[in-house]
Amino acid sequence: MDTKPPSNADADTPVPAVEQGSQNYLHSVVAMGDRRNVVAQQAIYTGEGVKLIDKGTRVDSGMHARLIRHRLQEAIENQLTVDDVVTVASIVALAQERCTDSRLLQTLLQDGSGSVDAAALLAPLRMLALPAPLAFTLTVMREQFPAYYAHSLQVALVAVYLALRSGWAKHECAPLAAAGLLHDIGVLYMDPAWHDSTRQITGAGRKHLMAHPVTAALLVRSHGGYPASVARAIEEHHERMDATGYPRGLRADEISPMGQILLVAEVVAAFFEKYADDDAARRLWLTLRLSHRKYPSALTDVLLPALQRAAASPDDAAIDTQDVRQGIQRVADGLQAWTRLSAELDPDCLRRDATGACRFVAQRIDALQRSLFEAGMHPEQQAKLLPLLEGDDQGLKELLLLGNEALWQLQAIAHTASDRWPALAESAEPCDQAVARWSEALLGANAVPGG
């Protein structure tokens, strides 16, 4: 095979991002080549300068074994072209369709304010910058993971809506729209097993999920074409205002304005993709009420009236009071179990300056209990409210949903503790063992899936 010594320009080129997941991405690229015409627009070399593929060669799954063994001199998306590549025009055309057939976007566009219409929502997308390598990557997502592509477009549109309602100019929203479209390209580098939506992700496996915002941000930075705020917002799209998000656990004032919009847009889109339309509006409305410390209040204040209006449609399904009572009790049991365990621990584990899993769980549970009380959703308050709602199916359904959301919040604490301290179960420290026992019980049978 031919060899090519790296030029000075090659030596200055950054090493392609996220080497660890590049094989997963490459697998999707060559699989796309089985259905689309994917062609090398230049000769492809290994990092050592050995030519692997000639310019003009079609790339498909037959090339997988040849490519997978080597670290490439350049990122693969820099070296390939594909028919029907994602373009700004195709993005705008699909967004226009979504504005008419998406219940979420209809809910937002008919929010009663009259301040944002479909034309205003689409205008920033028409101003998008879309570097060729990232257009190629979005095409891989569209072809191999269409649900992620649809989700990314929905996030971009919700983000633009929130920005416009917050007083941003249309041209200021174009980089935000790019961040929305690209925020999940890191999932293309994840193990394919994590794309199974029915799989509960726990323990060490969640590290793969938690890395994808960093991966996406690195990719966007490596290809250029956007202000630094875009990559930063992408990295922040799973952060939370109370520092319970990931990957860095940032607090409110540490999250950029664009990142705050993107994290809310991500949650809004995810709810409407996971649940039936009316139930999505109701569940999201309840979640934003319960989790008011997690999300920027200025943005949730924009959303809550529209969601409440959409959630107000009648529902004839009867609610079993016993189901509601059991849901309340599960939250109460989780809180009480931690209270009992922590009472038996060395107080040093729970000091303010302690840094272990015990202190983390104690802080998070204290914050959750405050949020529940402030929102009138603590199990003690719900238990008193339940007898007053006998025969009120709508009220009972809201109470059931509130209980499920409170349980999810409690389980999220256990998930995060397991992520940060994966060896808790093997530790000889009583504090670590207490957290492991509590987490195991909480995340056991009938647990609300984490995500």
Protein backbone atom coordinates (compact mmCIF):
# COMPACT_ATOMS: atom_id res chain seq x y z
CA MET A 1 0.00 0.00 0.00
CA ASP A 2 1.05 3.59 -0.62
CA THR A 3 2.44 5.65 2.22
CA LYS A 4 2.22 9.38 2.72
CA PRO A 5 4.37 11.19 5.30
CA PRO A 6 2.21 13.58 7.34
CA SER A 7 2.65 17.17 6.22
CA ASN A 8 3.12 20.06 8.63
CA ALA A 9 -0.56 20.78 8.27
CA ASP A 10 -1.36 17.18 9.20
CA ALA A 11 0.88 17.43 12.25
CA ASP A 12 -0.98 20.51 13.40
CA THR A 13 -4.40 18.90 12.94
CA PRO A 14 -5.96 17.98 16.28
CA VAL A 15 -6.33 14.27 16.99
CA PRO A 16 -9.92 13.31 16.11
CA ALA A 17 -12.12 13.56 19.20
CA VAL A 18 -13.35 10.69 21.33
CA GLU A 19 -11.13 7.90 20.02
CA GLN A 20 -12.83 5.42 22.35
CA GLY A 21 -16.20 5.63 20.59
CA SER A 22 -14.96 6.15 17.03
CA GLN A 23 -15.45 2.46 16.17
CA ASN A 24 -19.15 2.72 17.02
CA TYR A 25 -19.48 5.79 14.82
CA LEU A 26 -17.53 4.15 12.01
CA HIS A 27 -19.84 1.15 12.14
CA SER A 28 -22.83 3.46 11.54
CA VAL A 29 -21.02 5.23 8.70
CA VAL A 30 -20.26 2.06 6.74
CA ALA A 31 -23.74 0.68 7.43
CA MET A 32 -25.17 3.85 5.89
CA GLY A 33 -23.00 3.11 2.85
CA ASP A 34 -25.01 -0.05 2.21
CA ARG A 35 -28.08 2.08 1.48
CA ARG A 36 -26.64 5.44 0.41
CA ASN A 37 -23.84 6.29 -1.99
CA VAL A 38 -20.97 7.10 0.39
CA VAL A 39 -17.75 7.95 -1.46
CA ALA A 40 -14.20 8.88 -0.41
CA GLN A 41 -13.67 12.46 -1.60
CA GLN A 42 -9.92 12.05 -1.00
CA ALA A 43 -7.55 9.18 -0.35
CA ILE A 44 -7.90 7.91 3.22
CA TYR A 45 -4.68 7.29 5.19
CA THR A 46 -3.86 5.81 8.56
CA GLY A 47 -2.20 7.95 11.20
CA GLU A 48 1.11 6.39 10.12
CA GLY A 49 0.59 7.55 6.53
CA VAL A 50 -0.51 4.21 5.00
CA LYS A 51 -3.17 4.57 2.33
CA LEU A 52 -6.28 2.53 3.07
CA ILE A 53 -8.76 3.72 0.44
CA ASP A 54 -8.33 5.54 -2.87
CA LYS A 55 -10.17 8.72 -3.72
CA GLY A 56 -13.51 7.99 -5.41
CA THR A 57 -13.96 4.57 -3.76
CA ARG A 58 -17.41 3.71 -2.49
CA VAL A 59 -17.43 3.03 1.26
CA ASP A 60 -19.83 0.45 2.66
CA SER A 61 -19.84 -2.34 5.26
CA GLY A 62 -17.35 -4.26 3.14
CA MET A 63 -14.76 -1.63 4.13
CA HIS A 64 -15.43 -2.04 7.84
CA ALA A 65 -12.66 -4.52 8.62
CA ARG A 66 -10.09 -2.43 6.74
CA LEU A 67 -11.01 0.82 8.49
CA ILE A 68 -11.69 -0.43 11.99
CA ARG A 69 -8.12 -1.65 12.60
CA HIS A 70 -6.51 1.74 12.18
CA ARG A 71 -6.49 5.19 13.65
CA LEU A 72 -7.13 7.49 10.71
CA GLN A 73 -5.10 10.55 9.85
CA GLU A 74 -8.26 12.66 9.68
CA ALA A 75 -11.77 12.30 11.05
CA ILE A 76 -13.77 10.07 8.70
CA GLU A 77 -16.51 12.70 8.17
CA ASN A 78 -13.88 15.03 6.69
CA GLN A 79 -13.07 12.50 3.98
CA LEU A 80 -16.44 11.20 2.78
CA THR A 81 -19.42 12.48 0.83
CA VAL A 82 -22.92 11.03 0.79
CA ASP A 83 -25.89 11.41 -1.51
CA ASP A 84 -28.86 13.36 -0.13
CA VAL A 85 -26.74 14.91 2.61
CA VAL A 86 -28.53 16.98 5.26
CA THR A 87 -28.67 20.63 4.19
CA VAL A 88 -30.08 23.79 5.66
CA ALA A 89 -32.89 23.59 3.08
CA SER A 90 -33.80 20.02 4.10
CA ILE A 91 -33.73 20.99 7.78
CA VAL A 92 -36.07 23.94 7.17
CA ALA A 93 -38.42 21.79 5.08
CA LEU A 94 -38.70 19.15 7.79
CA ALA A 95 -39.08 21.81 10.48
CA GLN A 96 -41.95 23.32 8.50
CA GLU A 97 -43.69 19.93 8.53
CA ARG A 98 -43.11 19.57 12.27
CA CYS A 99 -44.73 22.94 12.91
CA THR A 100 -47.99 21.54 11.53
CA ASP A 101 -47.91 17.90 12.71
CA SER A 102 -46.13 18.08 16.10
CA ARG A 103 -48.48 18.40 19.07
CA LEU A 104 -45.65 19.91 21.11
CA LEU A 105 -44.95 22.66 18.60
CA GLN A 106 -48.66 23.33 18.15
CA THR A 107 -48.96 23.67 21.93
CA LEU A 108 -46.17 26.25 21.97
CA LEU A 109 -47.26 28.15 18.86
CA GLN A 110 -50.81 28.39 20.28
CA ASP A 111 -49.66 29.45 23.74
CA GLY A 112 -52.00 32.46 23.79
CA SER A 113 -49.21 35.03 23.70
CA GLY A 114 -49.32 35.44 19.92
CA SER A 115 -45.66 36.43 20.02
CA VAL A 116 -44.14 33.48 18.11
CA ASP A 117 -45.53 31.99 14.91
CA ALA A 118 -44.17 29.31 12.59
CA ALA A 119 -42.41 31.84 10.35
CA ALA A 120 -40.55 33.31 13.34
CA LEU A 121 -39.61 29.81 14.50
CA LEU A 122 -38.18 28.86 11.10
CA ALA A 123 -36.28 32.10 10.44
CA PRO A 124 -33.21 31.25 12.59
CA LEU A 125 -32.95 27.83 10.92
CA ARG A 126 -32.64 29.54 7.54
CA MET A 127 -29.60 31.40 8.91
CA LEU A 128 -27.83 28.20 10.05
CA ALA A 129 -24.16 27.58 9.40
CA LEU A 130 -23.62 23.90 8.63
CA PRO A 131 -19.99 22.82 8.00
CA ALA A 132 -19.74 19.86 5.62
CA PRO A 133 -18.33 17.37 8.19
CA LEU A 134 -21.16 18.09 10.62
CA ALA A 135 -23.72 17.89 7.81
CA PHE A 136 -22.30 14.43 7.09
CA THR A 137 -22.59 13.45 10.76
CA LEU A 138 -26.20 14.65 10.90
CA THR A 139 -26.87 12.54 7.80
CA VAL A 140 -25.50 9.48 9.62
CA MET A 141 -27.87 10.26 12.47
CA ARG A 142 -30.83 10.75 10.13
CA GLU A 143 -30.17 7.49 8.27
CA GLN A 144 -29.11 5.22 11.13
CA PHE A 145 -30.89 6.76 14.14
CA PRO A 146 -33.91 8.65 12.77
CA ALA A 147 -35.51 9.04 16.22
CA TYR A 148 -32.43 10.94 17.44
CA TYR A 149 -32.53 13.15 14.36
CA ALA A 150 -36.22 13.94 14.89
CA HIS A 151 -35.49 14.63 18.55
CA SER A 152 -32.61 16.97 17.71
CA LEU A 153 -34.76 19.01 15.34
CA GLN A 154 -37.51 19.21 17.95
CA VAL A 155 -35.01 20.40 20.57
CA ALA A 156 -33.73 23.07 18.17
CA LEU A 157 -37.26 24.37 17.52
CA VAL A 158 -38.24 24.39 21.21
CA ALA A 159 -34.98 26.18 22.04
CA VAL A 160 -35.68 28.84 19.40
CA TYR A 161 -39.21 29.27 20.76
CA LEU A 162 -37.90 29.78 24.31
CA ALA A 163 -35.26 32.23 23.11
CA LEU A 164 -37.72 34.28 21.09
CA ARG A 165 -40.14 34.39 24.02
CA SER A 166 -37.20 35.55 26.15
CA GLY A 167 -36.49 38.50 23.85
CA TRP A 168 -33.65 37.11 21.73
CA ALA A 169 -33.34 38.47 18.19
CA LYS A 170 -33.78 35.99 15.34
CA HIS A 171 -30.13 36.19 14.30
CA GLU A 172 -29.09 35.45 17.90
CA CYS A 173 -31.15 32.26 17.74
CA ALA A 174 -29.26 30.79 14.75
CA PRO A 175 -26.29 29.50 16.83
CA LEU A 176 -28.79 28.21 19.40
CA ALA A 177 -30.62 26.29 16.65
CA ALA A 178 -27.27 24.77 15.61
CA ALA A 179 -26.63 23.71 19.21
CA GLY A 180 -30.04 22.05 19.31
CA LEU A 181 -29.46 20.16 16.08
CA LEU A 182 -25.99 18.98 17.11
CA HIS A 183 -26.46 18.45 20.83
CA ASP A 184 -26.84 14.66 20.55
CA ILE A 185 -24.25 13.75 17.92
CA GLY A 186 -22.21 12.28 20.77
CA VAL A 187 -24.69 9.38 20.99
CA LEU A 188 -23.35 8.12 17.64
CA TYR A 189 -20.14 7.27 19.51
CA MET A 190 -21.91 5.26 22.22
CA ASP A 191 -22.11 1.48 22.36
CA PRO A 192 -25.18 0.43 20.29
CA ALA A 193 -26.60 -1.33 23.36
CA TRP A 194 -27.35 2.06 24.90
CA HIS A 195 -29.67 2.98 22.02
CA ASP A 196 -32.24 0.45 23.30
CA SER A 197 -34.90 2.63 24.93
CA THR A 198 -36.30 -0.35 26.88
CA ARG A 199 -32.99 -0.96 28.65
CA GLN A 200 -32.54 0.45 32.14
CA ILE A 201 -29.13 2.08 32.35
CA THR A 202 -27.51 1.70 35.75
CA GLY A 203 -24.14 1.72 37.48
CA ALA A 204 -20.97 1.90 35.39
CA GLY A 205 -23.00 1.70 32.18
CA ARG A 206 -24.40 5.17 32.80
CA LYS A 207 -20.90 6.60 32.30
CA HIS A 208 -21.32 6.00 28.56
CA LEU A 209 -24.54 7.99 28.60
CA MET A 210 -23.05 10.74 30.74
CA ALA A 211 -20.11 11.21 28.35
CA HIS A 212 -22.15 12.01 25.26
CA PRO A 213 -22.51 15.79 25.88
CA VAL A 214 -18.72 16.08 26.19
CA THR A 215 -18.24 14.00 23.05
CA ALA A 216 -20.65 16.18 21.07
CA ALA A 217 -19.00 19.39 22.29
CA LEU A 218 -15.53 18.10 21.35
CA LEU A 219 -16.73 17.21 17.86
CA VAL A 220 -18.29 20.63 17.30
CA ARG A 221 -15.14 22.37 18.54
CA SER A 222 -12.92 20.21 16.35
CA HIS A 223 -14.80 21.09 13.16
CA GLY A 224 -15.21 24.81 13.89
CA GLY A 225 -17.68 27.12 12.20
CA TYR A 226 -19.52 28.21 15.36
CA PRO A 227 -18.94 30.59 18.26
CA ALA A 228 -17.60 28.97 21.42
CA SER A 229 -21.02 29.39 23.04
CA VAL A 230 -22.45 26.61 20.84
CA ALA A 231 -20.08 23.87 22.02
CA ARG A 232 -20.42 25.09 25.60
CA ALA A 233 -24.22 24.89 25.46
CA ILE A 234 -24.05 21.41 23.94
CA GLU A 235 -21.85 20.26 26.81
CA GLU A 236 -24.37 21.74 29.27
CA HIS A 237 -27.59 20.28 27.86
CA HIS A 238 -28.00 17.77 30.71
CA GLU A 239 -26.90 20.10 33.51
CA ARG A 240 -29.40 21.33 36.10
CA MET A 241 -29.65 24.63 37.97
CA ASP A 242 -29.32 22.87 41.36
CA ALA A 243 -26.06 21.13 40.32
CA THR A 244 -27.71 17.68 40.03
CA GLY A 245 -27.08 17.37 36.27
CA TYR A 246 -24.19 15.96 34.29
CA PRO A 247 -21.46 15.75 33.08
CA ARG A 248 -19.97 18.42 35.41
CA GLY A 249 -22.66 19.05 38.03
CA LEU A 250 -22.70 22.78 37.26
CA ARG A 251 -24.79 25.21 39.29
CA ALA A 252 -27.14 27.91 37.97
CA ASP A 253 -24.71 30.78 37.47
CA GLU A 254 -22.14 28.39 35.97
CA ILE A 255 -24.46 27.37 33.12
CA SER A 256 -24.45 29.68 30.11
CA PRO A 257 -27.68 31.40 28.93
CA MET A 258 -27.67 29.26 25.79
CA GLY A 259 -27.04 26.14 27.88
CA GLN A 260 -29.98 26.97 30.14
CA ILE A 261 -32.31 27.23 27.16
CA LEU A 262 -30.96 24.03 25.65
CA LEU A 263 -31.35 21.99 28.83
CA VAL A 264 -34.99 23.03 29.15
CA ALA A 265 -35.66 22.36 25.45
CA GLU A 266 -34.14 18.88 25.84
CA VAL A 267 -36.46 18.03 28.72
CA VAL A 268 -39.55 19.42 26.96
CA ALA A 269 -38.87 17.46 23.75
CA ALA A 270 -38.08 14.26 25.66
CA PHE A 271 -41.39 14.34 27.55
CA PHE A 272 -43.44 14.70 24.38
CA GLU A 273 -41.50 11.89 22.74
CA LYS A 274 -41.91 9.55 25.71
CA TYR A 275 -45.57 10.07 26.56
CA ALA A 276 -48.86 10.47 24.71
CA ASP A 277 -49.50 14.11 23.90
CA ASP A 278 -52.01 15.05 26.61
CA ASP A 279 -50.21 12.97 29.21
CA ALA A 280 -46.89 14.54 28.18
CA ALA A 281 -48.20 18.05 28.77
CA ARG A 282 -49.60 17.07 32.16
CA ARG A 283 -46.50 15.17 33.27
CA LEU A 284 -44.18 17.95 32.14
CA TRP A 285 -46.30 20.59 33.87
CA LEU A 286 -46.12 18.58 37.10
CA THR A 287 -42.40 17.91 36.72
CA LEU A 288 -41.57 21.58 36.20
CA ARG A 289 -43.64 22.47 39.26
CA LEU A 290 -41.98 19.83 41.40
CA SER A 291 -38.47 20.41 40.09
CA HIS A 292 -38.52 24.20 40.13
CA ARG A 293 -34.98 24.28 41.54
CA LYS A 294 -33.63 22.31 38.58
CA TYR A 295 -34.77 24.58 35.75
CA PRO A 296 -34.50 28.33 35.07
CA SER A 297 -37.67 29.92 36.44
CA ALA A 298 -37.84 32.53 33.67
CA LEU A 299 -38.10 29.73 31.09
CA THR A 300 -40.50 27.51 33.03
CA ASP A 301 -42.75 30.53 33.58
CA VAL A 302 -43.00 30.77 29.80
CA LEU A 303 -43.93 27.10 29.46
CA LEU A 304 -46.28 26.42 32.37
CA PRO A 305 -49.38 28.30 31.09
CA ALA A 306 -49.22 26.61 27.68
CA LEU A 307 -48.68 23.19 29.23
CA GLN A 308 -51.51 23.65 31.71
CA ARG A 309 -53.84 24.63 28.89
CA ALA A 310 -52.83 21.57 26.87
CA ALA A 311 -53.16 19.28 29.89
CA ALA A 312 -56.66 20.47 30.73
CA SER A 313 -58.44 18.17 28.24
CA PRO A 314 -60.83 15.74 30.00
CA ASP A 315 -59.76 12.16 30.57
CA ASP A 316 -62.42 9.53 31.31
CA ALA A 317 -60.02 6.90 32.61
CA ALA A 318 -60.83 6.02 36.22
CA ILE A 319 -58.00 6.17 38.75
CA ASP A 320 -57.69 3.58 41.49
CA THR A 321 -57.22 5.34 44.83
CA GLN A 322 -55.16 2.38 46.02
CA ASP A 323 -52.64 2.95 43.22
CA VAL A 324 -52.25 6.56 44.31
CA ARG A 325 -51.87 5.54 47.95
CA GLN A 326 -49.20 2.98 47.06
CA GLY A 327 -47.28 5.55 45.01
CA ILE A 328 -47.28 7.99 47.92
CA GLN A 329 -46.16 5.24 50.27
CA ARG A 330 -43.21 4.23 48.06
CA VAL A 331 -41.83 7.76 48.22
CA ALA A 332 -42.43 7.90 51.97
CA ASP A 333 -40.68 4.53 52.41
CA GLY A 334 -37.63 5.71 50.46
CA LEU A 335 -37.31 8.88 52.53
CA GLN A 336 -37.88 7.09 55.83
CA ALA A 337 -35.40 4.34 54.95
CA TRP A 338 -32.66 6.92 54.51
CA THR A 339 -33.63 8.64 57.76
CA ARG A 340 -33.27 5.34 59.64
CA LEU A 341 -29.96 4.44 57.99
CA SER A 342 -28.40 7.86 58.46
CA ALA A 343 -29.36 7.90 62.15
CA GLU A 344 -27.08 4.89 62.70
CA LEU A 345 -24.07 6.42 60.92
CA ASP A 346 -21.02 8.17 62.27
CA PRO A 347 -21.94 11.89 62.23
CA ASP A 348 -18.59 12.62 60.56
CA CYS A 349 -19.97 11.05 57.35
CA LEU A 350 -22.66 13.74 57.22
CA ARG A 351 -20.63 16.82 58.12
CA ARG A 352 -20.91 19.78 55.74
CA ASP A 353 -17.28 19.39 54.72
CA ALA A 354 -17.60 15.63 54.10
CA THR A 355 -17.10 14.56 50.50
CA GLY A 356 -18.31 10.96 50.39
CA ALA A 357 -21.45 9.33 49.04
CA CYS A 358 -23.28 9.64 52.38
CA ARG A 359 -22.97 13.40 52.47
CA PHE A 360 -24.00 13.61 48.83
CA VAL A 361 -27.16 11.55 49.35
CA ALA A 362 -28.02 13.43 52.55
CA GLN A 363 -27.71 16.80 50.81
CA ARG A 364 -29.78 15.71 47.83
CA ILE A 365 -32.53 14.21 49.97
CA ASP A 366 -32.69 17.32 52.13
CA ALA A 367 -33.03 19.45 48.99
CA LEU A 368 -35.69 17.12 47.55
CA GLN A 369 -37.71 17.20 50.75
CA ARG A 370 -37.61 21.01 50.75
CA SER A 371 -38.76 21.08 47.14
CA LEU A 372 -41.58 18.63 47.85
CA PHE A 373 -42.81 20.64 50.84
CA GLU A 374 -42.59 23.94 48.94
CA ALA A 375 -44.61 22.50 46.07
CA GLY A 376 -47.16 20.85 48.40
CA MET A 377 -46.09 17.45 47.10
CA HIS A 378 -44.40 15.81 50.08
CA PRO A 379 -45.85 12.37 50.94
CA GLU A 380 -47.11 13.74 54.25
CA GLN A 381 -49.02 16.47 52.42
CA GLN A 382 -50.27 14.12 49.71
CA ALA A 383 -51.52 11.59 52.25
CA LYS A 384 -53.66 14.32 53.86
CA LEU A 385 -54.93 15.46 50.45
CA LEU A 386 -55.87 11.99 49.19
CA PRO A 387 -59.15 11.57 51.16
CA LEU A 388 -60.34 14.94 49.83
CA LEU A 389 -59.97 13.74 46.24
CA GLU A 390 -62.20 10.66 46.45
CA GLY A 391 -64.22 10.52 43.22
CA ASP A 392 -62.16 13.26 41.56
CA ASP A 393 -60.40 11.30 38.81
CA GLN A 394 -58.56 14.31 37.46
CA GLY A 395 -57.25 15.26 40.91
CA LEU A 396 -56.28 11.66 41.63
CA LYS A 397 -54.44 11.39 38.33
CA GLU A 398 -52.43 14.51 39.11
CA LEU A 399 -51.62 13.11 42.54
CA LEU A 400 -50.51 9.80 40.98
CA LEU A 401 -48.28 11.59 38.51
CA LEU A 402 -46.83 13.75 41.27
CA GLY A 403 -46.02 10.63 43.27
CA ASN A 404 -44.30 9.01 40.28
CA GLU A 405 -42.26 12.13 39.63
CA ALA A 406 -41.21 12.35 43.29
CA LEU A 407 -40.15 8.70 43.18
CA TRP A 408 -38.16 9.32 40.00
CA GLN A 409 -36.40 12.23 41.69
CA LEU A 410 -35.53 10.01 44.65
CA GLN A 411 -34.22 7.26 42.38
CA ALA A 412 -32.17 9.81 40.45
CA ILE A 413 -30.25 10.49 43.66
CA ALA A 414 -29.45 6.78 43.97
CA HIS A 415 -28.41 6.58 40.29
CA THR A 416 -26.07 9.55 40.63
CA ALA A 417 -24.49 8.18 43.81
CA SER A 418 -23.86 4.87 42.02
CA ASP A 419 -22.32 6.71 39.07
CA ARG A 420 -19.96 8.80 41.18
CA TRP A 421 -19.00 6.00 43.60
CA PRO A 422 -19.30 2.75 41.58
CA ALA A 423 -17.52 0.63 44.23
CA LEU A 424 -19.95 1.37 47.09
CA ALA A 425 -21.15 -2.22 47.42
CA GLU A 426 -17.57 -3.50 47.79
CA SER A 427 -16.51 -0.83 50.30
CA ALA A 428 -15.84 -1.76 53.92
CA GLU A 429 -16.93 1.70 55.11
CA PRO A 430 -20.29 1.64 56.95
CA CYS A 431 -21.33 4.90 55.30
CA ASP A 432 -20.72 3.50 51.82
CA GLN A 433 -22.53 0.29 52.71
CA ALA A 434 -25.51 2.30 53.91
CA VAL A 435 -25.74 4.17 50.61
CA ALA A 436 -25.38 0.91 48.66
CA ARG A 437 -28.19 -0.78 50.66
CA TRP A 438 -30.48 2.22 50.30
CA SER A 439 -29.81 2.52 46.56
CA GLU A 440 -30.30 -1.20 45.97
CA ALA A 441 -33.66 -1.17 47.73
CA LEU A 442 -34.82 1.96 45.96
CA LEU A 443 -33.76 0.80 42.50
CA GLY A 444 -35.02 -2.75 42.93
CA ALA A 445 -38.20 -4.32 41.67
CA ASN A 446 -40.83 -1.98 40.20
CA ALA A 447 -38.41 0.94 40.13
CA VAL A 448 -39.13 3.80 37.78
CA PRO A 449 -36.55 3.43 34.96
CA GLY A 450 -33.62 5.86 35.04
CA GLY A 451 -32.52 7.79 31.94
